[in-house]
Every structure is written in structure tokens, then in C-alpha cells.
Amino acid sequence: MRRQLKYILIIGLVLLLFLIRAYEKKLFYDPLIVYFQNDYLYTTIPEINIWKLVVDLLFRFVLNSLITLAIIYLFFNEIKFVKFTGFFLMTSFIVLIVVFVVLLRAQFEQGYLFPFYIRRFLVHPLFLLILFPALYYYKTKK
């Protein structure tokens, strides 16, 4: 694949990540968006349908993960990086969603900061920002 086409596709995928973020309120069920934007220190957690929230978090995480995998494949062109990233993302989702649901069922009694950051890792492609430099460093050292 030509270099210019690869970079155009990568830019397009990054823009797709921005579009997912821009239309998050229309695409996904997440009452915690409004909760964490407002006076979450002084109000109680809104009524949440946990299963619907988990399914929408899964859907959003899968969308972000597929785009992440495509970006990593296009940039590095190595299947082993894609396999590692896929395994890492799958394992991370399982661990994070279990912890998030437990904290959500407890109504964030231990505080709001830990669930806030867990939710952030679930809904934003932060793992791309972590894995991309790590894989780049690994490739340059090899």
C-alpha cells in the first residue's frame, strides 16, 4: 500500500474517533455523561439501567477498539502488534467493566474519582494513546 494512502486512511480513522466522541450523546446511552459534567460532588447518581449501560459501553469500546486495531495495522503493518493489541483491549475491557459495575452497584460509595477514570478508559480510546508509543518504541529498539 502506498505511503500517502496509508496516512490518509490513518487520518480518516482518527477523524472517525473524533466523530464518535462528538455524537456520543446521540449514539450511546450514558447518563453518567451529564452526571460527571455537573455537580457530581453534591448530587446522587441518577437512575441507571446497568445492563443497557454495559451494552452501550461494550458497543462503544468495540467501535474504538476496531479503529485502534486498524490504525495500528496501517501504521506498523505487523499482525503480531494487532494480535497483542486485540488481546490487551479484550482483557482490559473485561477487567474494567467488572470493576465499574461493582462500583456502580455500590453507588460510588468509596468515591467518584476511581469510577470516573475507569469509565474514561472504557469510553475513550486512551489505550491507543498508550499502546501506540509503546509499540513504536518496541519496533525502533528491535
C-alpha atoms as a PDB file:
ATOM      1  CA  MET A   1       0.000   0.000   0.000  1.00  0.00           C
ATOM      2  CA  ARG A   2       1.327   3.406  -0.871  1.00  0.00           C
ATOM      3  CA  ARG A   3       2.536   5.566   1.958  1.00  0.00           C
ATOM      4  CA  GLN A   4       0.232   8.524   1.202  1.00  0.00           C
ATOM      5  CA  LEU A   5      -2.830   6.260   1.143  1.00  0.00           C
ATOM      6  CA  LYS A   6      -1.858   4.733   4.499  1.00  0.00           C
ATOM      7  CA  TYR A   7      -1.543   8.158   6.102  1.00  0.00           C
ATOM      8  CA  ILE A   8      -4.825   9.338   4.600  1.00  0.00           C
ATOM      9  CA  LEU A   9      -6.556   6.238   5.990  1.00  0.00           C
ATOM     10  CA  ILE A  10      -4.983   6.767   9.415  1.00  0.00           C
ATOM     11  CA  ILE A  11      -6.119  10.399   9.449  1.00  0.00           C
ATOM     12  CA  GLY A  12      -9.602   9.283   8.403  1.00  0.00           C
ATOM     13  CA  LEU A  13      -9.710   6.751  11.244  1.00  0.00           C
ATOM     14  CA  VAL A  14      -8.609   9.368  13.762  1.00  0.00           C
ATOM     15  CA  LEU A  15     -11.350  11.660  12.480  1.00  0.00           C
ATOM     16  CA  LEU A  16     -13.792   8.783  12.939  1.00  0.00           C
ATOM     17  CA  LEU A  17     -12.729   8.595  16.600  1.00  0.00           C
ATOM     18  CA  PHE A  18     -13.474  12.319  16.885  1.00  0.00           C
ATOM     19  CA  LEU A  19     -16.916  11.781  15.317  1.00  0.00           C
ATOM     20  CA  ILE A  20     -17.725   9.042  17.811  1.00  0.00           C
ATOM     21  CA  ARG A  21     -16.830  11.449  20.592  1.00  0.00           C
ATOM     22  CA  ALA A  22     -18.798  14.320  19.041  1.00  0.00           C
ATOM     23  CA  TYR A  23     -22.002  12.304  18.697  1.00  0.00           C
ATOM     24  CA  GLU A  24     -21.708  10.286  21.898  1.00  0.00           C
ATOM     25  CA  LYS A  25     -24.903  11.674  23.422  1.00  0.00           C
ATOM     26  CA  LYS A  26     -26.938  10.683  20.368  1.00  0.00           C
ATOM     27  CA  LEU A  27     -25.355   7.286  19.774  1.00  0.00           C
ATOM     28  CA  PHE A  28     -24.959   5.826  23.264  1.00  0.00           C
ATOM     29  CA  TYR A  29     -26.937   5.505  26.470  1.00  0.00           C
ATOM     30  CA  ASP A  30     -24.808   7.021  29.195  1.00  0.00           C
ATOM     31  CA  PRO A  31     -26.480   9.068  31.943  1.00  0.00           C
ATOM     32  CA  LEU A  32     -23.085   9.439  33.603  1.00  0.00           C
ATOM     33  CA  ILE A  33     -22.000  11.922  30.919  1.00  0.00           C
ATOM     34  CA  VAL A  34     -24.303  14.563  32.381  1.00  0.00           C
ATOM     35  CA  TYR A  35     -23.621  13.401  35.937  1.00  0.00           C
ATOM     36  CA  PHE A  36     -19.859  13.905  35.650  1.00  0.00           C
ATOM     37  CA  GLN A  37     -20.279  17.243  33.841  1.00  0.00           C
ATOM     38  CA  ASN A  38     -22.400  18.805  36.574  1.00  0.00           C
ATOM     39  CA  ASP A  39     -22.402  18.823  40.359  1.00  0.00           C
ATOM     40  CA  TYR A  40     -21.450  15.198  40.869  1.00  0.00           C
ATOM     41  CA  LEU A  41     -19.846  16.072  44.191  1.00  0.00           C
ATOM     42  CA  TYR A  42     -23.163  17.216  45.638  1.00  0.00           C
ATOM     43  CA  THR A  43     -25.811  15.103  43.910  1.00  0.00           C
ATOM     44  CA  THR A  44     -26.677  11.443  43.933  1.00  0.00           C
ATOM     45  CA  ILE A  45     -26.167   9.147  40.991  1.00  0.00           C
ATOM     46  CA  PRO A  46     -29.052   9.282  38.508  1.00  0.00           C
ATOM     47  CA  GLU A  47     -31.251   6.268  37.878  1.00  0.00           C
ATOM     48  CA  ILE A  48     -29.252   3.953  35.635  1.00  0.00           C
ATOM     49  CA  ASN A  49     -30.227   0.885  33.667  1.00  0.00           C
ATOM     50  CA  ILE A  50     -26.998  -1.022  34.326  1.00  0.00           C
ATOM     51  CA  TRP A  51     -27.405  -3.631  31.592  1.00  0.00           C
ATOM     52  CA  LYS A  52     -28.208  -1.053  28.947  1.00  0.00           C
ATOM     53  CA  LEU A  53     -25.215   0.978  30.075  1.00  0.00           C
ATOM     54  CA  VAL A  54     -22.936  -2.080  29.929  1.00  0.00           C
ATOM     55  CA  VAL A  55     -24.151  -2.993  26.434  1.00  0.00           C
ATOM     56  CA  ASP A  56     -23.614   0.552  25.177  1.00  0.00           C
ATOM     57  CA  LEU A  57     -20.194   0.715  26.832  1.00  0.00           C
ATOM     58  CA  LEU A  58     -19.349  -2.560  25.101  1.00  0.00           C
ATOM     59  CA  PHE A  59     -20.569  -1.219  21.754  1.00  0.00           C
ATOM     60  CA  ARG A  60     -18.570   1.978  22.120  1.00  0.00           C
ATOM     61  CA  PHE A  61     -15.472   0.118  23.308  1.00  0.00           C
ATOM     62  CA  VAL A  62     -15.708  -2.265  20.344  1.00  0.00           C
ATOM     63  CA  LEU A  63     -16.001   0.653  17.902  1.00  0.00           C
ATOM     64  CA  ASN A  64     -12.990   2.384  19.425  1.00  0.00           C
ATOM     65  CA  SER A  65     -11.071  -0.900  19.550  1.00  0.00           C
ATOM     66  CA  LEU A  66     -11.693  -1.744  15.906  1.00  0.00           C
ATOM     67  CA  ILE A  67     -10.500   1.692  14.875  1.00  0.00           C
ATOM     68  CA  THR A  68      -7.482   1.336  17.169  1.00  0.00           C
ATOM     69  CA  LEU A  69      -6.621  -2.038  15.632  1.00  0.00           C
ATOM     70  CA  ALA A  70      -6.939  -0.597  12.132  1.00  0.00           C
ATOM     71  CA  ILE A  71      -4.666   2.342  12.974  1.00  0.00           C
ATOM     72  CA  ILE A  72      -2.044   0.045  14.471  1.00  0.00           C
ATOM     73  CA  TYR A  73      -2.175  -2.308  11.491  1.00  0.00           C
ATOM     74  CA  LEU A  74      -1.927   0.511   8.972  1.00  0.00           C
ATOM     75  CA  PHE A  75       0.944   2.229  10.743  1.00  0.00           C
ATOM     76  CA  PHE A  76       3.070  -0.763  11.765  1.00  0.00           C
ATOM     77  CA  ASN A  77       1.885  -3.362   9.224  1.00  0.00           C
ATOM     78  CA  GLU A  78       2.591  -6.188  11.682  1.00  0.00           C
ATOM     79  CA  ILE A  79      -0.018  -8.760  12.622  1.00  0.00           C
ATOM     80  CA  LYS A  80       1.696  -9.582  15.932  1.00  0.00           C
ATOM     81  CA  PHE A  81       1.097  -5.980  17.067  1.00  0.00           C
ATOM     82  CA  VAL A  82      -2.563  -6.262  16.096  1.00  0.00           C
ATOM     83  CA  LYS A  83      -2.920  -9.580  17.961  1.00  0.00           C
ATOM     84  CA  PHE A  84      -1.238  -8.192  21.054  1.00  0.00           C
ATOM     85  CA  THR A  85      -3.366  -5.038  20.971  1.00  0.00           C
ATOM     86  CA  GLY A  86      -6.557  -7.048  20.481  1.00  0.00           C
ATOM     87  CA  PHE A  87      -5.741  -9.322  23.405  1.00  0.00           C
ATOM     88  CA  PHE A  88      -4.784  -6.341  25.551  1.00  0.00           C
ATOM     89  CA  LEU A  89      -8.008  -4.485  24.708  1.00  0.00           C
ATOM     90  CA  MET A  90     -10.181  -7.545  25.339  1.00  0.00           C
ATOM     91  CA  THR A  91      -8.540  -8.257  28.693  1.00  0.00           C
ATOM     92  CA  SER A  92      -8.707  -4.608  29.712  1.00  0.00           C
ATOM     93  CA  PHE A  93     -12.400  -4.381  28.893  1.00  0.00           C
ATOM     94  CA  ILE A  94     -13.256  -7.453  30.945  1.00  0.00           C
ATOM     95  CA  VAL A  95     -11.344  -6.235  33.996  1.00  0.00           C
ATOM     96  CA  LEU A  96     -12.533  -2.633  33.754  1.00  0.00           C
ATOM     97  CA  ILE A  97     -16.210  -3.424  33.144  1.00  0.00           C
ATOM     98  CA  VAL A  98     -16.364  -5.830  36.091  1.00  0.00           C
ATOM     99  CA  VAL A  99     -14.816  -3.256  38.428  1.00  0.00           C
ATOM    100  CA  PHE A 100     -17.034  -0.497  37.013  1.00  0.00           C
ATOM    101  CA  VAL A 101     -20.252  -2.488  37.500  1.00  0.00           C
ATOM    102  CA  VAL A 102     -19.278  -3.379  41.070  1.00  0.00           C
ATOM    103  CA  LEU A 103     -18.613   0.290  41.831  1.00  0.00           C
ATOM    104  CA  LEU A 104     -21.817   1.323  40.092  1.00  0.00           C
ATOM    105  CA  ARG A 105     -23.893  -1.133  42.110  1.00  0.00           C
ATOM    106  CA  ALA A 106     -22.306   0.300  45.261  1.00  0.00           C
ATOM    107  CA  GLN A 107     -23.447   3.781  44.135  1.00  0.00           C
ATOM    108  CA  PHE A 108     -19.850   5.066  44.193  1.00  0.00           C
ATOM    109  CA  GLU A 109     -19.780   4.888  47.995  1.00  0.00           C
ATOM    110  CA  GLN A 110     -15.975   4.836  48.048  1.00  0.00           C
ATOM    111  CA  GLY A 111     -15.777   7.997  45.963  1.00  0.00           C
ATOM    112  CA  TYR A 112     -16.391   9.127  42.429  1.00  0.00           C
ATOM    113  CA  LEU A 113     -12.836   9.518  41.120  1.00  0.00           C
ATOM    114  CA  PHE A 114     -11.966   5.846  40.547  1.00  0.00           C
ATOM    115  CA  PRO A 115     -15.192   5.056  38.623  1.00  0.00           C
ATOM    116  CA  PHE A 116     -14.785   8.295  36.687  1.00  0.00           C
ATOM    117  CA  TYR A 117     -11.394   7.209  35.360  1.00  0.00           C
ATOM    118  CA  ILE A 118     -12.478   3.626  34.731  1.00  0.00           C
ATOM    119  CA  ARG A 119     -15.380   4.946  32.662  1.00  0.00           C
ATOM    120  CA  ARG A 120     -12.975   7.230  30.824  1.00  0.00           C
ATOM    121  CA  PHE A 121     -10.805   4.252  29.822  1.00  0.00           C
ATOM    122  CA  LEU A 122     -13.930   2.425  28.656  1.00  0.00           C
ATOM    123  CA  VAL A 123     -15.401   5.198  26.515  1.00  0.00           C
ATOM    124  CA  HIS A 124     -12.328   6.938  25.108  1.00  0.00           C
ATOM    125  CA  PRO A 125      -9.563   5.398  23.002  1.00  0.00           C
ATOM    126  CA  LEU A 126      -6.927   6.036  25.657  1.00  0.00           C
ATOM    127  CA  PHE A 127      -5.338   2.645  25.081  1.00  0.00           C
ATOM    128  CA  LEU A 128      -4.400   3.811  21.587  1.00  0.00           C
ATOM    129  CA  LEU A 129      -2.510   6.702  23.146  1.00  0.00           C
ATOM    130  CA  ILE A 130      -0.744   4.288  25.490  1.00  0.00           C
ATOM    131  CA  LEU A 131      -0.022   1.412  23.109  1.00  0.00           C
ATOM    132  CA  PHE A 132       0.986   3.384  20.034  1.00  0.00           C
ATOM    133  CA  PRO A 133       4.153   4.932  21.523  1.00  0.00           C
ATOM    134  CA  ALA A 134       4.987   1.663  23.294  1.00  0.00           C
ATOM    135  CA  LEU A 135       4.752  -0.312  20.055  1.00  0.00           C
ATOM    136  CA  TYR A 136       6.699   2.344  18.189  1.00  0.00           C
ATOM    137  CA  TYR A 137       9.454   2.223  20.796  1.00  0.00           C
ATOM    138  CA  TYR A 138       9.475  -1.583  20.656  1.00  0.00           C
ATOM    139  CA  LYS A 139       9.765  -1.529  16.868  1.00  0.00           C
ATOM    140  CA  THR A 140      12.598   1.008  16.849  1.00  0.00           C
ATOM    141  CA  LYS A 141      14.565  -0.896  19.521  1.00  0.00           C
ATOM    142  CA  LYS A 142      14.256  -4.138  17.565  1.00  0.00           C
END
